[in-house]
Protein backbone atom coordinates (compact mmCIF):
# COMPACT_ATOMS: atom_id res chain seq x y z
CA MET A 1 -5.57 33.61 83.70
CA TRP A 2 -3.74 30.40 84.61
CA GLN A 3 -4.50 28.79 81.26
CA GLY A 4 -2.87 31.78 79.56
CA VAL A 5 0.24 31.58 81.74
CA PHE A 6 0.37 27.82 81.10
CA GLY A 7 0.18 28.42 77.35
CA PHE A 8 2.86 31.10 77.49
CA THR A 9 5.33 28.92 79.41
CA ASN A 10 4.74 26.01 77.06
CA VAL A 11 5.40 28.16 73.98
CA VAL A 12 8.60 29.54 75.53
CA ALA A 13 9.79 26.02 76.34
CA LEU A 14 8.85 24.53 72.96
CA LEU A 15 10.61 27.30 71.03
CA ALA A 16 13.74 26.97 73.16
CA TRP A 17 13.77 23.17 72.77
CA ALA A 18 13.37 23.55 69.00
CA VAL A 19 16.35 25.89 68.89
CA LEU A 20 18.38 23.55 71.08
CA VAL A 21 17.68 20.49 68.94
CA LEU A 22 17.61 22.07 65.47
CA ALA A 23 19.69 25.26 65.39
CA PRO A 24 23.46 25.43 65.01
CA ARG A 25 25.29 25.35 68.33
CA LYS A 26 26.62 28.85 68.06
CA PRO A 27 26.69 31.57 70.74
CA LEU A 28 23.46 33.33 69.69
CA PRO A 29 21.16 30.26 69.60
CA LEU A 30 22.67 28.95 72.84
CA ALA A 31 22.18 32.36 74.48
CA TYR A 32 18.55 32.32 73.30
CA VAL A 33 18.02 28.91 74.92
CA LEU A 34 19.64 30.03 78.17
CA TYR A 35 18.14 33.51 78.47
CA GLY A 36 15.08 33.45 76.22
CA GLY A 37 14.13 29.99 77.41
CA VAL A 38 15.55 29.00 80.81
CA ALA A 39 15.76 32.50 82.29
CA MET A 40 12.33 33.49 80.95
CA LEU A 41 10.80 30.39 82.55
CA CYS A 42 12.63 31.13 85.79
CA LEU A 43 11.32 34.70 85.74
CA ALA A 44 7.77 33.47 85.13
CA TYR A 45 8.20 30.98 87.97
CA ALA A 46 9.50 33.67 90.33
CA ALA A 47 6.58 36.00 89.52
CA MET A 48 4.04 33.20 90.05
CA PHE A 49 5.74 32.07 93.25
CA VAL A 50 5.74 35.56 94.76
CA GLY A 51 2.17 36.17 93.63
CA LEU A 52 0.90 32.92 95.11
CA VAL A 53 2.84 33.07 98.39
CA THR A 54 1.83 36.70 99.05
CA MET A 55 -1.74 35.98 97.89
CA LEU A 56 -1.54 38.79 95.34
CA VAL A 57 -3.00 36.39 92.76
CA ASP A 58 -5.84 33.94 93.14
CA PRO A 59 -4.58 30.34 92.98
CA VAL A 60 -8.10 29.18 91.89
CA ARG A 61 -8.28 26.27 94.31
CA ASP A 62 -10.72 23.44 93.81
CA PRO A 63 -14.14 24.44 95.22
CA GLY A 64 -14.81 23.76 98.89
CA LEU A 65 -11.21 23.28 99.97
CA ALA A 66 -9.68 24.90 103.01
CA GLU A 67 -6.43 26.82 102.65
CA PRO A 68 -3.47 24.44 102.36
CA ASP A 69 -1.17 23.88 105.32
CA LEU A 70 2.21 25.02 103.99
CA LEU A 71 3.97 23.29 106.89
CA ASN A 72 2.52 19.87 106.04
CA TYR A 73 5.37 18.51 103.95
CA SER A 74 3.95 15.08 103.25
CA VAL A 75 2.29 13.39 100.28
CA VAL A 76 -1.12 14.40 101.63
CA GLY A 77 0.05 17.97 102.28
CA LEU A 78 1.55 18.34 98.81
CA LYS A 79 -1.53 16.82 97.21
CA ASP A 80 -3.64 19.43 98.97
CA LEU A 81 -1.23 22.22 98.05
CA PHE A 82 -1.37 21.33 94.34
CA ARG A 83 -5.17 21.32 94.18
CA SER A 84 -5.24 24.71 92.52
CA GLU A 85 -4.65 25.97 89.00
CA GLY A 86 -1.91 28.31 90.18
CA ALA A 87 0.05 25.58 91.94
CA ILE A 88 -0.22 23.25 88.94
CA VAL A 89 1.07 25.93 86.55
CA LEU A 90 3.81 26.87 89.03
CA GLY A 91 4.91 23.24 89.33
CA TRP A 92 4.77 22.71 85.56
CA THR A 93 6.88 25.82 84.97
CA HIS A 94 9.40 24.45 87.47
CA TYR A 95 9.66 21.26 85.40
CA LEU A 96 9.92 23.16 82.12
CA ALA A 97 12.76 25.40 83.36
CA LEU A 98 14.84 22.67 84.94
CA ASP A 99 14.33 20.19 82.10
CA LEU A 100 15.37 22.82 79.56
CA PHE A 101 18.45 23.71 81.59
CA THR A 102 19.27 20.00 81.79
CA GLY A 103 18.83 19.66 78.03
CA LEU A 104 21.17 22.59 77.46
CA TRP A 105 23.78 20.97 79.69
CA ILE A 106 23.41 17.64 77.87
CA ALA A 107 23.83 19.35 74.48
CA ARG A 108 26.94 21.23 75.58
CA ASP A 109 28.37 18.14 77.26
CA ALA A 110 27.69 16.01 74.17
CA ASP A 111 29.28 18.62 71.90
CA ALA A 112 32.37 18.75 74.12
CA LYS A 113 32.70 14.97 74.00
CA GLY A 114 32.30 14.79 70.24
CA PHE A 115 28.85 13.19 69.99
CA SER A 116 27.05 14.00 66.74
CA ARG A 117 23.90 16.11 66.76
CA VAL A 118 21.92 13.18 65.35
CA PHE A 119 23.12 10.98 68.22
CA GLN A 120 22.20 13.67 70.77
CA ALA A 121 18.65 14.23 69.51
CA PRO A 122 17.00 11.19 71.17
CA PHE A 123 18.52 12.12 74.55
CA LEU A 124 17.30 15.69 74.21
CA VAL A 125 13.80 14.55 73.23
CA LEU A 126 13.74 12.08 76.13
CA THR A 127 14.84 14.86 78.50
CA PHE A 128 12.11 17.11 77.10
CA MET A 129 9.47 14.41 77.62
CA ALA A 130 10.74 12.84 80.89
CA GLY A 131 13.53 15.02 82.29
CA PRO A 132 15.20 12.82 84.91
CA LEU A 133 14.97 9.72 82.71
CA GLY A 134 16.66 11.55 79.82
CA LEU A 135 19.37 12.80 82.16
CA LEU A 136 19.93 9.34 83.63
CA VAL A 137 20.25 7.70 80.22
CA TRP A 138 22.62 10.46 79.07
CA LEU A 139 24.80 10.03 82.17
CA LEU A 140 25.05 6.30 81.49
CA VAL A 141 25.92 6.77 77.80
CA ARG A 142 28.38 9.64 78.26
CA GLU A 143 30.44 7.84 80.88
CA ARG A 144 32.20 5.50 78.46
CA ARG A 145 33.13 8.36 76.09
CA ALA A 146 34.24 10.51 79.01
CA ARG A 147 36.56 7.78 80.26
CA LYS A 148 37.91 7.00 76.78
CA SER A 149 38.69 10.64 76.11
CA GLY A 150 40.48 11.03 79.43
CA TRP A 151 37.96 13.35 81.06
CA THR A 152 38.10 13.36 84.83
CA ARG A 153 35.37 14.29 87.26
CA SER A 154 36.63 17.88 87.21
CA GLY A 155 36.02 18.04 83.46
CA LYS A 156 39.72 18.35 82.67
CA THR A 157 42.04 15.93 80.97
CA PRO A 158 44.78 14.41 83.14
CA ALA A 159 47.35 16.53 81.30
CA GLY A 160 45.31 19.74 81.74
């Protein structure tokens, strides 16, 4: 079961990333990325989360392990918690959803600041492969353009 859910979430994410990187930035493709990608992954995450927390679905824990202590919020406690197929797929889906949402934000931000699609592509791929690193590099690169164009922290120009 978990391998199937894992495969499904990966296909959803890959298709949405392909649309984000390759398709025109028009309302329909962007809506697909947001709702067909991000929201679908969030829905899958929510269903898995509820199923695992309520024990309606079997997490398929490693053999011989005791039930995890959900109150042990430490490296050891989290390591024990993630020693199941369900928890790994849940965690992976979490990454997929948030990285895709971050990629969508980067694409929209880059479009608004006048960066070409070709220039954006490496940042989107880096975000797909290593989410926080891609976001960090984008934040560093965008800052100069944001300041040159007069964007403030609120996202508005000084005159606006």
